[in-house]
Amino acid sequence: MSDLAQPAAPRNRWRIAAWMLALGLWLLPLVAQQFSKEMNWSVGDFVAWAIMLALAAGLFDLATRASGHGAFRLGAAVAIGTGFFITWSNLAVGIIGSEDNPLNQIFFAVLAIAVFGALFVRFDAARLVRVMQATAAAQVLTAIVALVVNGAYIFVITAVFVAAWLFAAELFRRAAAATEATARAAG
């Protein structure tokens, strides 16, 4: 059978949905500007927003290619979403005081642990569990540092981030267990 006669590979609906969501979120501030004078974004704001959304959608796209397991994809979505929310809130208003507070940079160090850790373990679900746990531990340290250095109480938001990192770890653990069970059954 020639390549032309073979049916096209099914599209990954989750990947398409991620890119469509990113596009919709990018357009949302543009629409909001039409109805509110308080929503006044510059071209630079739209570019930064586009970069953030493209990175998140691109990372999710890669994750869907790394594993077809639902728990893995959901774990990736939770981890990417957590990183996105940390970045967005940190750039928009700052987590510790204003966005100009240099102490906010520690949140980007937490994200670096997640990103470089995932790259280091080559997106292996079993090893991503440890990466997410290490990221959660680093996130706990942000609350301690903020309290000691700045007197800031950010325990609630930190607890939300820690819970999200640990939830992603649990999802990766489930994906790894399912992959291991499948390999045992096959071999």
N, C-alpha and C. Protein backbone atom coordinates (compact mmCIF):
# COMPACT_ATOMS: atom_id res chain seq x y z
N MET A 1 0.85 -1.18 0.00
CA MET A 1 0.00 0.00 0.00
C MET A 1 0.90 1.24 0.00
N SER A 2 0.62 2.18 -0.83
CA SER A 2 1.44 3.39 -0.90
C SER A 2 1.16 4.29 0.30
N ASP A 3 2.09 5.20 0.53
CA ASP A 3 1.92 6.13 1.65
C ASP A 3 0.67 6.99 1.47
N LEU A 4 0.31 7.27 0.22
CA LEU A 4 -0.86 8.11 -0.03
C LEU A 4 -2.16 7.39 0.32
N ALA A 5 -2.15 6.06 0.19
CA ALA A 5 -3.37 5.31 0.43
C ALA A 5 -3.60 5.01 1.91
N GLN A 6 -2.55 5.18 2.73
CA GLN A 6 -2.70 4.89 4.15
C GLN A 6 -3.46 6.01 4.84
N PRO A 7 -4.31 5.65 5.79
CA PRO A 7 -5.05 6.70 6.50
C PRO A 7 -4.11 7.57 7.32
N ALA A 8 -4.47 8.82 7.47
CA ALA A 8 -3.66 9.75 8.27
C ALA A 8 -3.68 9.32 9.73
N ALA A 9 -2.58 9.56 10.41
CA ALA A 9 -2.50 9.24 11.84
C ALA A 9 -3.51 10.08 12.59
N PRO A 10 -4.17 9.49 13.58
CA PRO A 10 -5.15 10.28 14.33
C PRO A 10 -4.47 11.42 15.06
N ARG A 11 -5.13 12.53 15.08
CA ARG A 11 -4.57 13.70 15.76
C ARG A 11 -4.80 13.57 17.26
N ASN A 12 -3.87 14.10 17.98
CA ASN A 12 -3.98 14.10 19.43
C ASN A 12 -4.86 15.27 19.85
N ARG A 13 -6.04 14.96 20.29
CA ARG A 13 -7.01 16.02 20.64
C ARG A 13 -6.51 16.88 21.79
N TRP A 14 -5.75 16.29 22.71
CA TRP A 14 -5.26 17.05 23.85
C TRP A 14 -4.24 18.10 23.40
N ARG A 15 -3.39 17.73 22.46
CA ARG A 15 -2.40 18.68 21.95
C ARG A 15 -3.11 19.84 21.25
N ILE A 16 -4.09 19.52 20.41
CA ILE A 16 -4.84 20.56 19.70
C ILE A 16 -5.56 21.45 20.70
N ALA A 17 -6.17 20.83 21.71
CA ALA A 17 -6.89 21.61 22.73
C ALA A 17 -5.94 22.55 23.47
N ALA A 18 -4.71 22.09 23.77
CA ALA A 18 -3.74 22.94 24.47
C ALA A 18 -3.39 24.16 23.63
N TRP A 19 -3.15 23.96 22.34
CA TRP A 19 -2.80 25.09 21.48
C TRP A 19 -3.98 26.03 21.28
N MET A 20 -5.18 25.48 21.18
CA MET A 20 -6.36 26.33 21.04
C MET A 20 -6.62 27.13 22.32
N LEU A 21 -6.42 26.49 23.47
CA LEU A 21 -6.56 27.19 24.74
C LEU A 21 -5.55 28.32 24.83
N ALA A 22 -4.31 28.06 24.42
CA ALA A 22 -3.27 29.10 24.45
C ALA A 22 -3.67 30.27 23.56
N LEU A 23 -4.18 29.98 22.37
CA LEU A 23 -4.61 31.04 21.47
C LEU A 23 -5.76 31.84 22.08
N GLY A 24 -6.72 31.13 22.66
CA GLY A 24 -7.86 31.80 23.28
C GLY A 24 -7.43 32.68 24.45
N LEU A 25 -6.53 32.19 25.26
CA LEU A 25 -6.03 32.98 26.39
C LEU A 25 -5.23 34.18 25.92
N TRP A 26 -4.53 34.02 24.80
CA TRP A 26 -3.76 35.15 24.28
C TRP A 26 -4.70 36.25 23.79
N LEU A 27 -5.81 35.85 23.20
CA LEU A 27 -6.77 36.83 22.67
C LEU A 27 -7.62 37.48 23.76
N LEU A 28 -7.75 36.82 24.89
CA LEU A 28 -8.62 37.32 25.97
C LEU A 28 -8.29 38.75 26.40
N PRO A 29 -7.04 39.11 26.66
CA PRO A 29 -6.76 40.51 27.03
C PRO A 29 -7.08 41.50 25.91
N LEU A 30 -6.91 41.07 24.66
CA LEU A 30 -7.25 41.94 23.54
C LEU A 30 -8.75 42.25 23.54
N VAL A 31 -9.56 41.25 23.78
CA VAL A 31 -11.01 41.44 23.86
C VAL A 31 -11.35 42.29 25.09
N ALA A 32 -10.70 42.00 26.20
CA ALA A 32 -10.98 42.75 27.44
C ALA A 32 -10.66 44.23 27.27
N GLN A 33 -9.64 44.55 26.50
CA GLN A 33 -9.28 45.96 26.26
C GLN A 33 -10.39 46.71 25.54
N GLN A 34 -11.21 46.02 24.80
CA GLN A 34 -12.29 46.67 24.07
C GLN A 34 -13.42 47.11 24.99
N PHE A 35 -13.48 46.51 26.20
CA PHE A 35 -14.58 46.78 27.12
C PHE A 35 -14.17 47.50 28.39
N SER A 36 -12.87 47.62 28.63
CA SER A 36 -12.42 48.23 29.88
C SER A 36 -11.20 49.11 29.63
N LYS A 37 -11.27 50.32 30.13
CA LYS A 37 -10.13 51.23 30.03
C LYS A 37 -9.00 50.81 30.97
N GLU A 38 -9.35 50.05 32.02
CA GLU A 38 -8.34 49.61 32.99
C GLU A 38 -7.43 48.53 32.42
N MET A 39 -7.92 47.85 31.41
CA MET A 39 -7.13 46.81 30.75
C MET A 39 -6.35 47.49 29.64
N ASN A 40 -5.10 47.83 29.91
CA ASN A 40 -4.32 48.61 28.96
C ASN A 40 -2.95 47.97 28.76
N TRP A 41 -2.91 46.95 27.93
CA TRP A 41 -1.67 46.24 27.69
C TRP A 41 -0.89 46.87 26.55
N SER A 42 0.42 46.84 26.68
CA SER A 42 1.29 47.31 25.61
C SER A 42 1.62 46.12 24.69
N VAL A 43 2.30 46.42 23.61
CA VAL A 43 2.75 45.36 22.70
C VAL A 43 3.67 44.40 23.46
N GLY A 44 4.52 44.95 24.31
CA GLY A 44 5.42 44.12 25.11
C GLY A 44 4.68 43.16 26.02
N ASP A 45 3.56 43.61 26.59
CA ASP A 45 2.75 42.73 27.43
C ASP A 45 2.20 41.56 26.62
N PHE A 46 1.73 41.86 25.41
CA PHE A 46 1.19 40.81 24.55
C PHE A 46 2.28 39.83 24.11
N VAL A 47 3.47 40.35 23.86
CA VAL A 47 4.58 39.48 23.47
C VAL A 47 4.97 38.57 24.64
N ALA A 48 5.09 39.13 25.83
CA ALA A 48 5.43 38.31 27.00
C ALA A 48 4.36 37.25 27.25
N TRP A 49 3.11 37.64 27.13
CA TRP A 49 1.98 36.73 27.33
C TRP A 49 2.03 35.61 26.28
N ALA A 50 2.32 35.98 25.04
CA ALA A 50 2.42 34.98 23.97
C ALA A 50 3.55 34.00 24.23
N ILE A 51 4.68 34.50 24.69
CA ILE A 51 5.82 33.62 24.99
C ILE A 51 5.46 32.65 26.10
N MET A 52 4.84 33.15 27.16
CA MET A 52 4.44 32.27 28.27
C MET A 52 3.47 31.20 27.81
N LEU A 53 2.46 31.60 27.03
CA LEU A 53 1.46 30.64 26.56
C LEU A 53 2.06 29.63 25.59
N ALA A 54 2.94 30.10 24.71
CA ALA A 54 3.57 29.19 23.74
C ALA A 54 4.48 28.20 24.45
N LEU A 55 5.19 28.65 25.47
CA LEU A 55 6.04 27.72 26.23
C LEU A 55 5.19 26.67 26.93
N ALA A 56 4.11 27.09 27.55
CA ALA A 56 3.25 26.14 28.26
C ALA A 56 2.63 25.13 27.29
N ALA A 57 2.08 25.63 26.19
CA ALA A 57 1.46 24.73 25.21
C ALA A 57 2.51 23.83 24.56
N GLY A 58 3.67 24.39 24.28
CA GLY A 58 4.75 23.59 23.68
C GLY A 58 5.24 22.50 24.61
N LEU A 59 5.37 22.82 25.89
CA LEU A 59 5.79 21.80 26.86
C LEU A 59 4.74 20.70 26.98
N PHE A 60 3.47 21.09 26.97
CA PHE A 60 2.42 20.08 27.03
C PHE A 60 2.41 19.23 25.77
N ASP A 61 2.65 19.86 24.64
CA ASP A 61 2.74 19.13 23.38
C ASP A 61 3.85 18.08 23.47
N LEU A 62 5.01 18.46 23.98
CA LEU A 62 6.11 17.50 24.15
C LEU A 62 5.73 16.39 25.12
N ALA A 63 5.05 16.75 26.18
CA ALA A 63 4.65 15.74 27.18
C ALA A 63 3.70 14.72 26.58
N THR A 64 2.80 15.16 25.72
CA THR A 64 1.86 14.22 25.10
C THR A 64 2.58 13.29 24.14
N ARG A 65 3.71 13.73 23.63
CA ARG A 65 4.52 12.87 22.76
C ARG A 65 5.38 11.91 23.58
N ALA A 66 5.74 12.32 24.80
CA ALA A 66 6.59 11.49 25.64
C ALA A 66 5.85 10.27 26.17
N SER A 67 4.56 10.40 26.42
CA SER A 67 3.78 9.28 26.94
C SER A 67 2.32 9.47 26.57
N GLY A 68 1.69 8.37 26.23
CA GLY A 68 0.27 8.40 25.93
C GLY A 68 -0.58 8.09 27.15
N HIS A 69 0.06 7.81 28.28
CA HIS A 69 -0.67 7.46 29.49
C HIS A 69 -1.38 8.71 30.05
N GLY A 70 -2.64 8.55 30.39
CA GLY A 70 -3.44 9.67 30.89
C GLY A 70 -2.89 10.30 32.15
N ALA A 71 -2.39 9.48 33.08
CA ALA A 71 -1.83 10.03 34.32
C ALA A 71 -0.58 10.84 34.03
N PHE A 72 0.23 10.39 33.08
CA PHE A 72 1.44 11.14 32.72
C PHE A 72 1.04 12.49 32.14
N ARG A 73 0.07 12.48 31.22
CA ARG A 73 -0.37 13.74 30.61
C ARG A 73 -0.98 14.69 31.63
N LEU A 74 -1.78 14.15 32.53
CA LEU A 74 -2.37 14.99 33.56
C LEU A 74 -1.30 15.52 34.50
N GLY A 75 -0.34 14.67 34.86
CA GLY A 75 0.78 15.11 35.70
C GLY A 75 1.55 16.23 35.04
N ALA A 76 1.79 16.08 33.73
CA ALA A 76 2.49 17.14 32.99
C ALA A 76 1.65 18.41 32.98
N ALA A 77 0.35 18.28 32.76
CA ALA A 77 -0.53 19.45 32.75
C ALA A 77 -0.52 20.17 34.10
N VAL A 78 -0.55 19.40 35.18
CA VAL A 78 -0.52 20.01 36.52
C VAL A 78 0.81 20.72 36.76
N ALA A 79 1.92 20.05 36.42
CA ALA A 79 3.24 20.66 36.63
C ALA A 79 3.41 21.91 35.77
N ILE A 80 3.03 21.82 34.51
CA ILE A 80 3.16 22.97 33.60
C ILE A 80 2.23 24.09 34.05
N GLY A 81 1.02 23.75 34.43
CA GLY A 81 0.07 24.75 34.91
C GLY A 81 0.55 25.45 36.17
N THR A 82 1.15 24.68 37.06
CA THR A 82 1.69 25.27 38.30
C THR A 82 2.82 26.24 37.97
N GLY A 83 3.71 25.81 37.11
CA GLY A 83 4.80 26.68 36.69
C GLY A 83 4.30 27.94 35.99
N PHE A 84 3.28 27.76 35.17
CA PHE A 84 2.68 28.89 34.46
C PHE A 84 2.07 29.88 35.45
N PHE A 85 1.32 29.36 36.41
CA PHE A 85 0.67 30.24 37.39
C PHE A 85 1.70 30.97 38.25
N ILE A 86 2.77 30.27 38.63
CA ILE A 86 3.83 30.92 39.41
C ILE A 86 4.44 32.06 38.60
N THR A 87 4.75 31.78 37.34
CA THR A 87 5.37 32.81 36.49
C THR A 87 4.43 33.99 36.28
N TRP A 88 3.19 33.68 35.94
CA TRP A 88 2.21 34.74 35.66
C TRP A 88 2.00 35.63 36.88
N SER A 89 1.75 35.02 38.03
CA SER A 89 1.48 35.82 39.23
C SER A 89 2.72 36.59 39.66
N ASN A 90 3.89 35.99 39.48
CA ASN A 90 5.12 36.66 39.86
C ASN A 90 5.41 37.86 38.97
N LEU A 91 5.18 37.71 37.67
CA LEU A 91 5.42 38.83 36.75
C LEU A 91 4.34 39.90 36.86
N ALA A 92 3.10 39.49 37.10
CA ALA A 92 1.99 40.45 37.12
C ALA A 92 1.99 41.30 38.38
N VAL A 93 2.04 40.66 39.54
CA VAL A 93 1.92 41.43 40.78
C VAL A 93 2.99 41.08 41.81
N GLY A 94 3.71 40.00 41.59
CA GLY A 94 4.70 39.54 42.55
C GLY A 94 4.04 38.68 43.62
N ILE A 95 4.75 37.70 44.07
CA ILE A 95 4.22 36.81 45.12
C ILE A 95 4.62 37.35 46.48
N ILE A 96 5.85 37.87 46.55
CA ILE A 96 6.32 38.49 47.79
C ILE A 96 6.34 40.00 47.55
N GLY A 97 5.37 40.68 48.09
CA GLY A 97 5.27 42.12 47.87
C GLY A 97 4.92 42.41 46.42
N SER A 98 5.60 43.39 45.83
CA SER A 98 5.33 43.75 44.43
C SER A 98 6.20 42.93 43.49
N GLU A 99 5.91 43.06 42.20
CA GLU A 99 6.70 42.32 41.21
C GLU A 99 8.15 42.80 41.15
N ASP A 100 8.43 43.95 41.74
CA ASP A 100 9.78 44.51 41.75
C ASP A 100 10.65 43.96 42.88
N ASN A 101 10.06 43.21 43.80
CA ASN A 101 10.82 42.67 44.92
C ASN A 101 11.78 41.60 44.40
N PRO A 102 13.10 41.80 44.56
CA PRO A 102 14.06 40.84 44.03
C PRO A 102 13.93 39.44 44.66
N LEU A 103 13.32 39.36 45.82
CA LEU A 103 13.15 38.07 46.48
C LEU A 103 12.21 37.15 45.68
N ASN A 104 11.40 37.72 44.81
CA ASN A 104 10.52 36.92 43.96
C ASN A 104 11.30 36.00 43.01
N GLN A 105 12.57 36.30 42.80
CA GLN A 105 13.37 35.47 41.90
C GLN A 105 13.53 34.04 42.41
N ILE A 106 13.35 33.83 43.72
CA ILE A 106 13.50 32.46 44.24
C ILE A 106 12.43 31.53 43.65
N PHE A 107 11.31 32.08 43.23
CA PHE A 107 10.28 31.25 42.62
C PHE A 107 10.71 30.74 41.25
N PHE A 108 11.52 31.53 40.56
CA PHE A 108 12.04 31.07 39.28
C PHE A 108 13.10 29.98 39.48
N ALA A 109 13.79 30.01 40.62
CA ALA A 109 14.73 28.93 40.94
C ALA A 109 13.97 27.62 41.14
N VAL A 110 12.80 27.69 41.75
CA VAL A 110 11.97 26.49 41.92
C VAL A 110 11.57 25.94 40.55
N LEU A 111 11.17 26.83 39.66
CA LEU A 111 10.80 26.40 38.30
C LEU A 111 11.99 25.79 37.58
N ALA A 112 13.17 26.33 37.81
CA ALA A 112 14.38 25.77 37.18
C ALA A 112 14.62 24.34 37.64
N ILE A 113 14.35 24.05 38.90
CA ILE A 113 14.49 22.68 39.40
C ILE A 113 13.56 21.75 38.64
N ALA A 114 12.31 22.19 38.45
CA ALA A 114 11.34 21.36 37.73
C ALA A 114 11.75 21.15 36.28
N VAL A 115 12.11 22.22 35.60
CA VAL A 115 12.43 22.13 34.17
C VAL A 115 13.71 21.34 33.94
N PHE A 116 14.79 21.74 34.60
CA PHE A 116 16.06 21.06 34.37
C PHE A 116 16.03 19.63 34.91
N GLY A 117 15.29 19.42 36.00
CA GLY A 117 15.13 18.06 36.51
C GLY A 117 14.43 17.17 35.51
N ALA A 118 13.35 17.68 34.90
CA ALA A 118 12.62 16.89 33.90
C ALA A 118 13.50 16.59 32.70
N LEU A 119 14.28 17.57 32.28
CA LEU A 119 15.20 17.33 31.17
C LEU A 119 16.27 16.31 31.54
N PHE A 120 16.79 16.42 32.75
CA PHE A 120 17.85 15.52 33.21
C PHE A 120 17.37 14.07 33.25
N VAL A 121 16.14 13.85 33.69
CA VAL A 121 15.62 12.47 33.78
C VAL A 121 14.95 12.04 32.48
N ARG A 122 15.04 12.90 31.48
CA ARG A 122 14.52 12.61 30.14
C ARG A 122 13.04 12.25 30.15
N PHE A 123 12.30 12.95 30.99
CA PHE A 123 10.85 12.81 31.08
C PHE A 123 10.41 11.39 31.42
N ASP A 124 11.25 10.66 32.12
CA ASP A 124 10.89 9.32 32.59
C ASP A 124 9.95 9.46 33.78
N ALA A 125 8.78 8.84 33.69
CA ALA A 125 7.74 9.02 34.71
C ALA A 125 8.23 8.65 36.10
N ALA A 126 8.91 7.52 36.22
CA ALA A 126 9.37 7.08 37.55
C ALA A 126 10.34 8.09 38.16
N ARG A 127 11.20 8.65 37.36
CA ARG A 127 12.17 9.61 37.89
C ARG A 127 11.58 11.01 38.02
N LEU A 128 10.52 11.29 37.27
CA LEU A 128 9.83 12.58 37.42
C LEU A 128 9.17 12.70 38.79
N VAL A 129 8.84 11.57 39.38
CA VAL A 129 8.28 11.59 40.74
C VAL A 129 9.25 12.30 41.67
N ARG A 130 10.50 11.92 41.61
CA ARG A 130 11.52 12.53 42.49
C ARG A 130 11.75 14.00 42.14
N VAL A 131 11.71 14.31 40.86
CA VAL A 131 11.88 15.71 40.45
C VAL A 131 10.76 16.57 41.02
N MET A 132 9.53 16.10 40.94
CA MET A 132 8.40 16.86 41.47
C MET A 132 8.48 16.97 43.00
N GLN A 133 8.94 15.91 43.66
CA GLN A 133 9.11 15.96 45.11
C GLN A 133 10.19 16.97 45.50
N ALA A 134 11.29 16.99 44.74
CA ALA A 134 12.35 17.96 44.99
C ALA A 134 11.86 19.38 44.74
N THR A 135 11.04 19.54 43.72
CA THR A 135 10.47 20.86 43.41
C THR A 135 9.55 21.31 44.55
N ALA A 136 8.75 20.38 45.07
CA ALA A 136 7.87 20.71 46.20
C ALA A 136 8.69 21.12 47.43
N ALA A 137 9.79 20.40 47.68
CA ALA A 137 10.65 20.74 48.82
C ALA A 137 11.26 22.13 48.63
N ALA A 138 11.70 22.42 47.42
CA ALA A 138 12.25 23.75 47.14
C ALA A 138 11.17 24.82 47.32
N GLN A 139 9.93 24.47 46.96
CA GLN A 139 8.83 25.42 47.12
C GLN A 139 8.60 25.73 48.60
N VAL A 140 8.71 24.73 49.46
CA VAL A 140 8.59 24.95 50.91
C VAL A 140 9.67 25.93 51.37
N LEU A 141 10.87 25.78 50.81
CA LEU A 141 11.96 26.68 51.20
C LEU A 141 11.66 28.14 50.84
N THR A 142 10.87 28.35 49.77
CA THR A 142 10.54 29.74 49.41
C THR A 142 9.77 30.43 50.52
N ALA A 143 8.87 29.70 51.16
CA ALA A 143 8.09 30.29 52.26
C ALA A 143 8.99 30.61 53.45
N ILE A 144 9.94 29.72 53.72
CA ILE A 144 10.86 29.94 54.84
C ILE A 144 11.76 31.14 54.55
N VAL A 145 12.31 31.20 53.35
CA VAL A 145 13.18 32.32 52.97
C VAL A 145 12.40 33.63 53.01
N ALA A 146 11.19 33.63 52.48
CA ALA A 146 10.38 34.86 52.48
C ALA A 146 10.11 35.33 53.89
N LEU A 147 9.85 34.41 54.80
CA LEU A 147 9.58 34.78 56.19
C LEU A 147 10.84 35.33 56.85
N VAL A 148 11.96 34.64 56.69
CA VAL A 148 13.20 35.03 57.35
C VAL A 148 13.76 36.34 56.79
N VAL A 149 13.80 36.46 55.46
CA VAL A 149 14.44 37.61 54.83
C VAL A 149 13.53 38.83 54.78
N ASN A 150 12.24 38.60 54.48
CA ASN A 150 11.35 39.73 54.23
C ASN A 150 10.22 39.85 55.24
N GLY A 151 10.08 38.88 56.13
CA GLY A 151 8.97 38.89 57.07
C GLY A 151 7.63 38.64 56.40
N ALA A 152 7.66 38.10 55.18
CA ALA A 152 6.44 37.88 54.41
C ALA A 152 5.84 36.52 54.76
N TYR A 153 4.53 36.51 54.94
CA TYR A 153 3.81 35.28 55.22
C TYR A 153 3.13 34.82 53.92
N ILE A 154 3.76 33.86 53.28
CA ILE A 154 3.21 33.36 52.01
C ILE A 154 2.90 31.87 52.12
N PHE A 155 2.52 31.46 53.32
CA PHE A 155 2.32 30.03 53.55
C PHE A 155 1.13 29.45 52.79
N VAL A 156 0.06 30.20 52.62
CA VAL A 156 -1.12 29.67 51.93
C VAL A 156 -0.81 29.43 50.46
N ILE A 157 -0.28 30.44 49.78
CA ILE A 157 0.02 30.26 48.36
C ILE A 157 1.11 29.22 48.17
N THR A 158 2.07 29.18 49.07
CA THR A 158 3.11 28.15 48.98
C THR A 158 2.51 26.77 49.17
N ALA A 159 1.58 26.63 50.09
CA ALA A 159 0.93 25.33 50.31
C ALA A 159 0.18 24.88 49.05
N VAL A 160 -0.44 25.82 48.36
CA VAL A 160 -1.14 25.48 47.11
C VAL A 160 -0.12 24.97 46.08
N PHE A 161 0.98 25.67 45.93
CA PHE A 161 2.01 25.25 44.97
C PHE A 161 2.61 23.89 45.35
N VAL A 162 2.90 23.71 46.63
CA VAL A 162 3.45 22.44 47.09
C VAL A 162 2.48 21.29 46.81
N ALA A 163 1.20 21.53 47.11
CA ALA A 163 0.19 20.50 46.85
C ALA A 163 0.13 20.16 45.36
N ALA A 164 0.24 21.16 44.51
CA ALA A 164 0.21 20.92 43.06
C ALA A 164 1.43 20.12 42.61
N TRP A 165 2.62 20.47 43.11
CA TRP A 165 3.83 19.70 42.74
C TRP A 165 3.71 18.26 43.22
N LEU A 166 3.19 18.07 44.42
CA LEU A 166 3.05 16.70 44.95
C LEU A 166 1.96 15.93 44.21
N PHE A 167 0.91 16.60 43.78
CA PHE A 167 -0.12 15.95 42.97
C PHE A 167 0.46 15.49 41.64
N ALA A 168 1.27 16.33 41.02
CA ALA A 168 1.96 15.94 39.78
C ALA A 168 2.85 14.73 40.04
N ALA A 169 3.56 14.72 41.16
CA ALA A 169 4.42 13.58 41.51
C ALA A 169 3.60 12.31 41.62
N GLU A 170 2.45 12.38 42.25
CA GLU A 170 1.58 11.21 42.39
C GLU A 170 1.08 10.73 41.03
N LEU A 171 0.74 11.64 40.16
CA LEU A 171 0.29 11.26 38.82
C LEU A 171 1.41 10.60 38.03
N PHE A 172 2.62 11.12 38.15
CA PHE A 172 3.76 10.48 37.47
C PHE A 172 4.04 9.10 38.07
N ARG A 173 3.84 8.96 39.39
CA ARG A 173 4.03 7.65 40.02
C ARG A 173 3.03 6.65 39.46
N ARG A 174 1.79 7.08 39.29
CA ARG A 174 0.76 6.19 38.72
C ARG A 174 1.10 5.80 37.28
N ALA A 175 1.57 6.77 36.51
CA ALA A 175 1.95 6.48 35.12
C ALA A 175 3.11 5.50 35.08
N ALA A 176 4.09 5.68 35.97
CA ALA A 176 5.24 4.77 36.00
C ALA A 176 4.80 3.37 36.41
N ALA A 177 3.91 3.28 37.38
CA ALA A 177 3.42 1.96 37.82
C ALA A 177 2.66 1.27 36.70
N ALA A 178 1.86 2.00 35.97
CA ALA A 178 1.11 1.41 34.86
C ALA A 178 2.05 0.96 33.75
N THR A 179 3.06 1.74 33.46
CA THR A 179 4.03 1.37 32.44
C THR A 179 4.81 0.13 32.85
N GLU A 180 5.18 0.06 34.11
CA GLU A 180 5.91 -1.09 34.63
C GLU A 180 5.03 -2.34 34.58
N ALA A 181 3.77 -2.22 34.95
CA ALA A 181 2.84 -3.35 34.91
C ALA A 181 2.64 -3.86 33.48
N THR A 182 2.56 -2.92 32.54
CA THR A 182 2.41 -3.30 31.13
C THR A 182 3.65 -4.02 30.63
N ALA A 183 4.82 -3.54 31.03
CA ALA A 183 6.08 -4.17 30.61
C ALA A 183 6.20 -5.58 31.20
N ARG A 184 5.79 -5.74 32.46
CA ARG A 184 5.83 -7.07 33.09
C ARG A 184 4.89 -8.04 32.38
N ALA A 185 3.71 -7.55 32.04
CA ALA A 185 2.72 -8.42 31.38
C ALA A 185 3.18 -8.82 29.98
N ALA A 186 3.89 -7.92 29.31
CA ALA A 186 4.36 -8.19 27.95
C ALA A 186 5.59 -9.09 27.94
N GLY A 187 6.36 -9.03 29.02
CA GLY A 187 7.63 -9.75 28.97
C GLY A 187 7.71 -10.82 29.96
